[in-house]
Structures are given as structure tokens and as C-alpha cells.
Amino acid sequence: MIAKLYGRIDETGVDSLVIDVNGVGYLVQASARTLAVLGGAGDFATVFTEMLVSENDQRLIGFASREERDWFRLLIGVQGVGAKVALAILSALEADDLTIAIANGDSAMVARANGVGPKLASRIVNELRDKVGAMAGIGGGAKLAAAAKAGNNNVADAVAALTGLGFKPGEAQGAVALALEELGDGATLDALVRLALKRAAK
């Protein structure tokens, strides 16, 4: 199993790249977002990979980060989502945006990806809502009182969004409290959720 490649990019295409690792060229499929992050021909890059093997095919799928690869694995676990659709979703949405969309039950945002209709988007949101909490890897909680100091709906909604992702209530409140301390009482719901997820991962 090939988990990671490091080498020089030989060429890039619409949905793939060839990366030279010690004289061996690996053809790697990737999302448009990953291709943009990794760079162009002549650049050196680290590509995290997932190998898909079927009776008639072997493919390497590449990602700019482990987080993107983890999302790909979750997405292809949903019925009706193959590699092509998963890459389309990851091309349309950053990992943070995808996390927020699922936390808020926003299937319309997921449906922005090519090849994803409303029915499939709803299935993705419903099936992954309880699975993505573990991805943020929350460690310890902050004092619960700090999360309530603003006394506005955005704080409660942000905590609800994180608990909807599978975080325990104390963990969610701790992460939102850290975000609130940094952003201040006037923080928007979107900003609170984004920063809370980032703080939770540290």
C-alpha cells in the first residue's frame, strides 16, 4: 500500500499529475484543489495517497493533506459516492467548509459539487454527521463558563453544530470557548465554528 509520495512533479492535467520519485513516474488522480496546492511541473511536492484496487483497475488518488485524504475515505464510504464524486466534492469545498456544511445539515452546499444531486447530498450529510467528530481530535476541554460569556445565539448555535458532529457537550463548549476568546463577543456563527474546529484539532 502506497501511503505517501515525495518527488518532483513532471506534469499536471485537469484531474491528475505525474510525480517522479527517484526516476519512477507515478500517475496520481487528484481534486482541482489539491492540484492547485501542490504546484506545477518542476515543483517538489509531498502527496498523500489512497490506492483503489478493483478487478479491472488500480488507481492512486492524491491529496495535499492527510485531512483531505480522511475526508475522501469518509465520502467513498457513502452509498452512491465513488472516487469521481468524492474528488468533485473536494474540488468544490475545502475541508473546513465541508465539515461546517455537514454540521449544519447544509446539503445544498454539498450539492454545489459537480455530479452531486440534492438526494445524494442529503444522504452524504445524514450518513457522515455522526462520523466526522472524531476527525478533529479534540483533546481537553476549556472551562465551560467561558463559552457562555457572550450570551448570544451564535455561541449556542456553534456548540450545537459541534455536538451535531459527534463531540461531547463539554468538548464542544470548550472548543467554542477558545474560539470566542480569540474572536470576541461579536464573532459570527461561521467564524466561531471554523475556529473552534481548528482549535479542537490542536
C-alpha atoms as a PDB file:
ATOM      1  CA  MET A   1       0.000   0.000   0.000  1.00  0.00           C
ATOM      2  CA  ILE A   2       1.400   3.386  -1.024  1.00  0.00           C
ATOM      3  CA  ALA A   3       0.506   5.995   1.616  1.00  0.00           C
ATOM      4  CA  LYS A   4       2.693   8.931   0.586  1.00  0.00           C
ATOM      5  CA  LEU A   5       4.926  10.073  -2.257  1.00  0.00           C
ATOM      6  CA  TYR A   6       7.588  12.767  -2.335  1.00  0.00           C
ATOM      7  CA  GLY A   7       9.197  13.867  -5.565  1.00  0.00           C
ATOM      8  CA  ARG A   8       9.223  16.263  -8.487  1.00  0.00           C
ATOM      9  CA  ILE A   9       6.062  16.931 -10.447  1.00  0.00           C
ATOM     10  CA  ASP A  10       6.672  16.013 -14.092  1.00  0.00           C
ATOM     11  CA  GLU A  11       3.340  17.172 -15.461  1.00  0.00           C
ATOM     12  CA  THR A  12      -0.182  18.071 -14.425  1.00  0.00           C
ATOM     13  CA  GLY A  13      -3.515  17.589 -16.149  1.00  0.00           C
ATOM     14  CA  VAL A  14      -7.122  18.539 -15.494  1.00  0.00           C
ATOM     15  CA  ASP A  15      -7.580  15.861 -12.831  1.00  0.00           C
ATOM     16  CA  SER A  16      -4.181  14.219 -12.404  1.00  0.00           C
ATOM     17  CA  LEU A  17      -0.446  14.662 -12.111  1.00  0.00           C
ATOM     18  CA  VAL A  18       2.673  12.615 -12.705  1.00  0.00           C
ATOM     19  CA  ILE A  19       5.168  12.744  -9.859  1.00  0.00           C
ATOM     20  CA  ASP A  20       8.735  11.471 -10.309  1.00  0.00           C
ATOM     21  CA  VAL A  21      10.028   9.605  -7.269  1.00  0.00           C
ATOM     22  CA  ASN A  22      13.639   8.512  -7.794  1.00  0.00           C
ATOM     23  CA  GLY A  23      13.099   8.031 -11.514  1.00  0.00           C
ATOM     24  CA  VAL A  24       9.727   6.304 -11.268  1.00  0.00           C
ATOM     25  CA  GLY A  25       6.746   8.302 -12.515  1.00  0.00           C
ATOM     26  CA  TYR A  26       3.504   7.776 -10.594  1.00  0.00           C
ATOM     27  CA  LEU A  27       0.210   8.804 -12.203  1.00  0.00           C
ATOM     28  CA  VAL A  28      -1.957  10.239  -9.434  1.00  0.00           C
ATOM     29  CA  GLN A  29      -5.562  11.413  -9.726  1.00  0.00           C
ATOM     30  CA  ALA A  30      -6.460  14.423  -7.606  1.00  0.00           C
ATOM     31  CA  SER A  31      -9.045  17.120  -6.988  1.00  0.00           C
ATOM     32  CA  ALA A  32      -8.644  20.516  -8.625  1.00  0.00           C
ATOM     33  CA  ARG A  33      -7.991  21.996  -5.185  1.00  0.00           C
ATOM     34  CA  THR A  34      -5.164  19.528  -4.487  1.00  0.00           C
ATOM     35  CA  LEU A  35      -3.566  20.148  -7.879  1.00  0.00           C
ATOM     36  CA  ALA A  36      -3.591  23.898  -7.239  1.00  0.00           C
ATOM     37  CA  VAL A  37      -1.952  23.469  -3.820  1.00  0.00           C
ATOM     38  CA  LEU A  38       0.751  21.041  -4.956  1.00  0.00           C
ATOM     39  CA  GLY A  39       2.078  23.275  -7.733  1.00  0.00           C
ATOM     40  CA  GLY A  40       3.176  22.721 -11.302  1.00  0.00           C
ATOM     41  CA  ALA A  41       5.799  20.905 -13.349  1.00  0.00           C
ATOM     42  CA  GLY A  42       9.234  21.113 -11.789  1.00  0.00           C
ATOM     43  CA  ASP A  43       7.966  21.694  -8.241  1.00  0.00           C
ATOM     44  CA  PHE A  44       8.737  19.215  -5.475  1.00  0.00           C
ATOM     45  CA  ALA A  45       5.737  18.045  -3.511  1.00  0.00           C
ATOM     46  CA  THR A  46       4.514  15.591  -0.915  1.00  0.00           C
ATOM     47  CA  VAL A  47       1.366  13.770  -1.994  1.00  0.00           C
ATOM     48  CA  PHE A  48      -0.667  11.714   0.469  1.00  0.00           C
ATOM     49  CA  THR A  49      -2.241   8.841  -1.402  1.00  0.00           C
ATOM     50  CA  GLU A  50      -5.037   6.301  -1.343  1.00  0.00           C
ATOM     51  CA  MET A  51      -4.814   3.250  -3.613  1.00  0.00           C
ATOM     52  CA  LEU A  52      -8.054   1.996  -5.091  1.00  0.00           C
ATOM     53  CA  VAL A  53      -7.975  -1.540  -6.443  1.00  0.00           C
ATOM     54  CA  SER A  54     -10.754  -3.299  -8.340  1.00  0.00           C
ATOM     55  CA  GLU A  55     -10.917  -6.305 -10.651  1.00  0.00           C
ATOM     56  CA  ASN A  56     -10.112  -4.215 -13.717  1.00  0.00           C
ATOM     57  CA  ASP A  57      -8.340  -1.182 -12.336  1.00  0.00           C
ATOM     58  CA  GLN A  58      -5.681   0.141  -9.982  1.00  0.00           C
ATOM     59  CA  ARG A  59      -5.545   3.848  -9.242  1.00  0.00           C
ATOM     60  CA  LEU A  60      -3.646   6.177  -6.959  1.00  0.00           C
ATOM     61  CA  ILE A  61      -5.652   9.107  -5.622  1.00  0.00           C
ATOM     62  CA  GLY A  62      -3.586  12.003  -4.284  1.00  0.00           C
ATOM     63  CA  PHE A  63      -4.188  14.642  -1.635  1.00  0.00           C
ATOM     64  CA  ALA A  64      -2.342  17.696  -0.385  1.00  0.00           C
ATOM     65  CA  SER A  65      -3.078  16.829   3.262  1.00  0.00           C
ATOM     66  CA  ARG A  66      -3.983  13.900   5.476  1.00  0.00           C
ATOM     67  CA  GLU A  67      -7.223  15.679   6.348  1.00  0.00           C
ATOM     68  CA  GLU A  68      -8.318  15.749   2.716  1.00  0.00           C
ATOM     69  CA  ARG A  69      -7.475  12.047   2.416  1.00  0.00           C
ATOM     70  CA  ASP A  70      -9.514  11.283   5.540  1.00  0.00           C
ATOM     71  CA  TRP A  71     -12.465  13.123   4.009  1.00  0.00           C
ATOM     72  CA  PHE A  72     -12.103  11.129   0.794  1.00  0.00           C
ATOM     73  CA  ARG A  73     -12.226   7.888   2.767  1.00  0.00           C
ATOM     74  CA  LEU A  74     -15.379   9.015   4.560  1.00  0.00           C
ATOM     75  CA  LEU A  75     -17.049  10.164   1.366  1.00  0.00           C
ATOM     76  CA  ILE A  76     -16.476   6.972  -0.623  1.00  0.00           C
ATOM     77  CA  GLY A  77     -17.981   5.051   2.283  1.00  0.00           C
ATOM     78  CA  VAL A  78     -21.343   6.647   1.494  1.00  0.00           C
ATOM     79  CA  GLN A  79     -23.555   4.632  -0.860  1.00  0.00           C
ATOM     80  CA  GLY A  80     -23.539   6.173  -4.312  1.00  0.00           C
ATOM     81  CA  VAL A  81     -20.290   8.098  -3.809  1.00  0.00           C
ATOM     82  CA  GLY A  82     -17.378   6.834  -5.871  1.00  0.00           C
ATOM     83  CA  ALA A  83     -13.916   8.278  -6.300  1.00  0.00           C
ATOM     84  CA  LYS A  84     -15.020  10.670  -9.044  1.00  0.00           C
ATOM     85  CA  VAL A  85     -17.836  12.178  -6.993  1.00  0.00           C
ATOM     86  CA  ALA A  86     -15.685  12.366  -3.844  1.00  0.00           C
ATOM     87  CA  LEU A  87     -12.992  14.270  -5.757  1.00  0.00           C
ATOM     88  CA  ALA A  88     -15.644  16.586  -7.206  1.00  0.00           C
ATOM     89  CA  ILE A  89     -16.829  17.403  -3.681  1.00  0.00           C
ATOM     90  CA  LEU A  90     -13.269  18.021  -2.502  1.00  0.00           C
ATOM     91  CA  SER A  91     -12.720  20.244  -5.548  1.00  0.00           C
ATOM     92  CA  ALA A  92     -15.780  22.325  -4.701  1.00  0.00           C
ATOM     93  CA  LEU A  93     -15.359  22.564  -0.922  1.00  0.00           C
ATOM     94  CA  GLU A  94     -12.423  22.966   1.433  1.00  0.00           C
ATOM     95  CA  ALA A  95     -12.292  20.527   4.335  1.00  0.00           C
ATOM     96  CA  ASP A  96     -13.442  23.197   6.816  1.00  0.00           C
ATOM     97  CA  ASP A  97     -16.382  24.162   4.589  1.00  0.00           C
ATOM     98  CA  LEU A  98     -17.391  20.526   4.195  1.00  0.00           C
ATOM     99  CA  THR A  99     -17.233  20.000   7.953  1.00  0.00           C
ATOM    100  CA  ILE A 100     -19.409  23.061   8.575  1.00  0.00           C
ATOM    101  CA  ALA A 101     -21.895  22.050   5.897  1.00  0.00           C
ATOM    102  CA  ILE A 102     -22.344  18.636   7.479  1.00  0.00           C
ATOM    103  CA  ALA A 103     -22.500  20.087  10.985  1.00  0.00           C
ATOM    104  CA  ASN A 104     -25.289  22.432   9.918  1.00  0.00           C
ATOM    105  CA  GLY A 105     -27.108  19.851   7.794  1.00  0.00           C
ATOM    106  CA  ASP A 106     -26.496  22.076   4.766  1.00  0.00           C
ATOM    107  CA  SER A 107     -26.950  19.611   1.933  1.00  0.00           C
ATOM    108  CA  ALA A 108     -27.322  22.470  -0.561  1.00  0.00           C
ATOM    109  CA  MET A 109     -23.671  23.384  -0.033  1.00  0.00           C
ATOM    110  CA  VAL A 110     -22.593  19.788  -0.691  1.00  0.00           C
ATOM    111  CA  ALA A 111     -24.798  19.736  -3.806  1.00  0.00           C
ATOM    112  CA  ARG A 112     -22.652  22.521  -5.315  1.00  0.00           C
ATOM    113  CA  ALA A 113     -20.188  19.841  -6.403  1.00  0.00           C
ATOM    114  CA  ASN A 114     -20.460  18.521  -9.962  1.00  0.00           C
ATOM    115  CA  GLY A 115     -22.406  15.277 -10.144  1.00  0.00           C
ATOM    116  CA  VAL A 116     -23.993  15.636  -6.701  1.00  0.00           C
ATOM    117  CA  GLY A 117     -27.763  15.997  -6.745  1.00  0.00           C
ATOM    118  CA  PRO A 118     -29.982  17.013  -3.797  1.00  0.00           C
ATOM    119  CA  LYS A 119     -30.828  13.412  -2.872  1.00  0.00           C
ATOM    120  CA  LEU A 120     -27.186  12.296  -2.775  1.00  0.00           C
ATOM    121  CA  ALA A 121     -26.137  15.449  -0.925  1.00  0.00           C
ATOM    122  CA  SER A 122     -28.745  14.752   1.762  1.00  0.00           C
ATOM    123  CA  ARG A 123     -27.527  11.175   2.086  1.00  0.00           C
ATOM    124  CA  ILE A 124     -23.920  12.359   2.491  1.00  0.00           C
ATOM    125  CA  VAL A 125     -24.886  14.831   5.209  1.00  0.00           C
ATOM    126  CA  ASN A 126     -27.056  12.334   7.076  1.00  0.00           C
ATOM    127  CA  GLU A 127     -24.567   9.462   6.951  1.00  0.00           C
ATOM    128  CA  LEU A 128     -21.479  11.479   7.855  1.00  0.00           C
ATOM    129  CA  ARG A 129     -22.914  13.723  10.532  1.00  0.00           C
ATOM    130  CA  ASP A 130     -22.159  11.246  13.285  1.00  0.00           C
ATOM    131  CA  LYS A 131     -18.761  10.218  11.927  1.00  0.00           C
ATOM    132  CA  VAL A 132     -16.797  13.407  11.402  1.00  0.00           C
ATOM    133  CA  GLY A 133     -16.473  14.483  15.035  1.00  0.00           C
ATOM    134  CA  ALA A 134     -13.537  12.176  15.623  1.00  0.00           C
ATOM    135  CA  MET A 135     -11.585  13.781  12.781  1.00  0.00           C
ATOM    136  CA  ALA A 136     -10.976  16.966  14.721  1.00  0.00           C
ATOM    137  CA  GLY A 137      -9.339  15.018  17.526  1.00  0.00           C
ATOM    138  CA  ILE A 138     -10.413  17.155  20.424  1.00  0.00           C
ATOM    139  CA  GLY A 139      -8.136  16.660  23.372  1.00  0.00           C
ATOM    140  CA  GLY A 140      -9.101  18.520  26.538  1.00  0.00           C
ATOM    141  CA  GLY A 141     -11.897  20.970  27.274  1.00  0.00           C
ATOM    142  CA  ALA A 142     -11.652  24.560  28.453  1.00  0.00           C
ATOM    143  CA  LYS A 143     -13.747  25.935  31.286  1.00  0.00           C
ATOM    144  CA  LEU A 144     -17.396  25.739  30.301  1.00  0.00           C
ATOM    145  CA  ALA A 145     -18.192  29.149  31.695  1.00  0.00           C
ATOM    146  CA  ALA A 146     -16.009  30.896  29.100  1.00  0.00           C
ATOM    147  CA  ALA A 147     -18.247  29.729  26.270  1.00  0.00           C
ATOM    148  CA  ALA A 148     -21.278  31.455  27.730  1.00  0.00           C
ATOM    149  CA  LYS A 149     -19.748  34.853  28.445  1.00  0.00           C
ATOM    150  CA  ALA A 150     -21.045  36.419  25.192  1.00  0.00           C
ATOM    151  CA  GLY A 151     -24.600  35.362  25.886  1.00  0.00           C
ATOM    152  CA  ASN A 152     -25.655  35.341  22.224  1.00  0.00           C
ATOM    153  CA  ASN A 153     -27.269  32.802  19.930  1.00  0.00           C
ATOM    154  CA  ASN A 154     -24.115  32.329  17.868  1.00  0.00           C
ATOM    155  CA  VAL A 155     -22.314  30.725  20.805  1.00  0.00           C
ATOM    156  CA  ALA A 156     -25.134  28.265  21.472  1.00  0.00           C
ATOM    157  CA  ASP A 157     -25.505  27.526  17.763  1.00  0.00           C
ATOM    158  CA  ALA A 158     -21.762  26.909  17.409  1.00  0.00           C
ATOM    159  CA  VAL A 159     -21.825  24.469  20.327  1.00  0.00           C
ATOM    160  CA  ALA A 160     -24.849  22.754  18.756  1.00  0.00           C
ATOM    161  CA  ALA A 161     -23.001  22.476  15.446  1.00  0.00           C
ATOM    162  CA  LEU A 162     -20.038  20.747  17.081  1.00  0.00           C
ATOM    163  CA  THR A 163     -22.199  18.401  19.133  1.00  0.00           C
ATOM    164  CA  GLY A 164     -24.002  17.586  15.890  1.00  0.00           C
ATOM    165  CA  LEU A 165     -20.636  16.418  14.572  1.00  0.00           C
ATOM    166  CA  GLY A 166     -20.302  13.969  17.422  1.00  0.00           C
ATOM    167  CA  PHE A 167     -18.374  15.999  20.001  1.00  0.00           C
ATOM    168  CA  LYS A 168     -19.353  15.580  23.620  1.00  0.00           C
ATOM    169  CA  PRO A 169     -21.111  18.686  25.019  1.00  0.00           C
ATOM    170  CA  GLY A 170     -18.172  19.581  27.260  1.00  0.00           C
ATOM    171  CA  GLU A 171     -15.697  19.214  24.417  1.00  0.00           C
ATOM    172  CA  ALA A 172     -17.826  21.324  22.100  1.00  0.00           C
ATOM    173  CA  GLN A 173     -18.231  24.088  24.674  1.00  0.00           C
ATOM    174  CA  GLY A 174     -14.515  24.058  25.421  1.00  0.00           C
ATOM    175  CA  ALA A 175     -13.588  24.434  21.757  1.00  0.00           C
ATOM    176  CA  VAL A 176     -16.110  27.234  21.208  1.00  0.00           C
ATOM    177  CA  ALA A 177     -14.854  28.965  24.355  1.00  0.00           C
ATOM    178  CA  LEU A 178     -11.322  29.042  22.950  1.00  0.00           C
ATOM    179  CA  ALA A 179     -12.602  30.429  19.660  1.00  0.00           C
ATOM    180  CA  LEU A 180     -14.711  33.029  21.444  1.00  0.00           C
ATOM    181  CA  GLU A 181     -11.767  34.241  23.499  1.00  0.00           C
ATOM    182  CA  GLU A 182      -9.819  34.871  20.312  1.00  0.00           C
ATOM    183  CA  LEU A 183     -12.605  36.325  18.152  1.00  0.00           C
ATOM    184  CA  GLY A 184     -14.507  38.340  20.736  1.00  0.00           C
ATOM    185  CA  ASP A 185     -18.196  38.629  21.559  1.00  0.00           C
ATOM    186  CA  GLY A 186     -19.177  39.891  18.108  1.00  0.00           C
ATOM    187  CA  ALA A 187     -17.979  36.764  16.286  1.00  0.00           C
ATOM    188  CA  THR A 188     -20.265  35.339  13.618  1.00  0.00           C
ATOM    189  CA  LEU A 189     -21.521  31.759  13.794  1.00  0.00           C
ATOM    190  CA  ASP A 190     -19.439  30.735  10.770  1.00  0.00           C
ATOM    191  CA  ALA A 191     -16.258  32.223  12.235  1.00  0.00           C
ATOM    192  CA  LEU A 192     -16.868  30.585  15.616  1.00  0.00           C
ATOM    193  CA  VAL A 193     -17.407  27.127  14.137  1.00  0.00           C
ATOM    194  CA  ARG A 194     -14.391  27.374  11.827  1.00  0.00           C
ATOM    195  CA  LEU A 195     -12.001  28.490  14.564  1.00  0.00           C
ATOM    196  CA  ALA A 196     -13.465  26.074  17.136  1.00  0.00           C
ATOM    197  CA  LEU A 197     -12.746  23.173  14.777  1.00  0.00           C
ATOM    198  CA  LYS A 198      -9.180  24.368  14.262  1.00  0.00           C
ATOM    199  CA  ARG A 199      -8.598  24.853  17.976  1.00  0.00           C
ATOM    200  CA  ALA A 200     -10.108  21.446  18.667  1.00  0.00           C
ATOM    201  CA  ALA A 201      -7.560  19.805  16.388  1.00  0.00           C
ATOM    202  CA  LYS A 202      -4.571  21.181  18.337  1.00  0.00           C
END
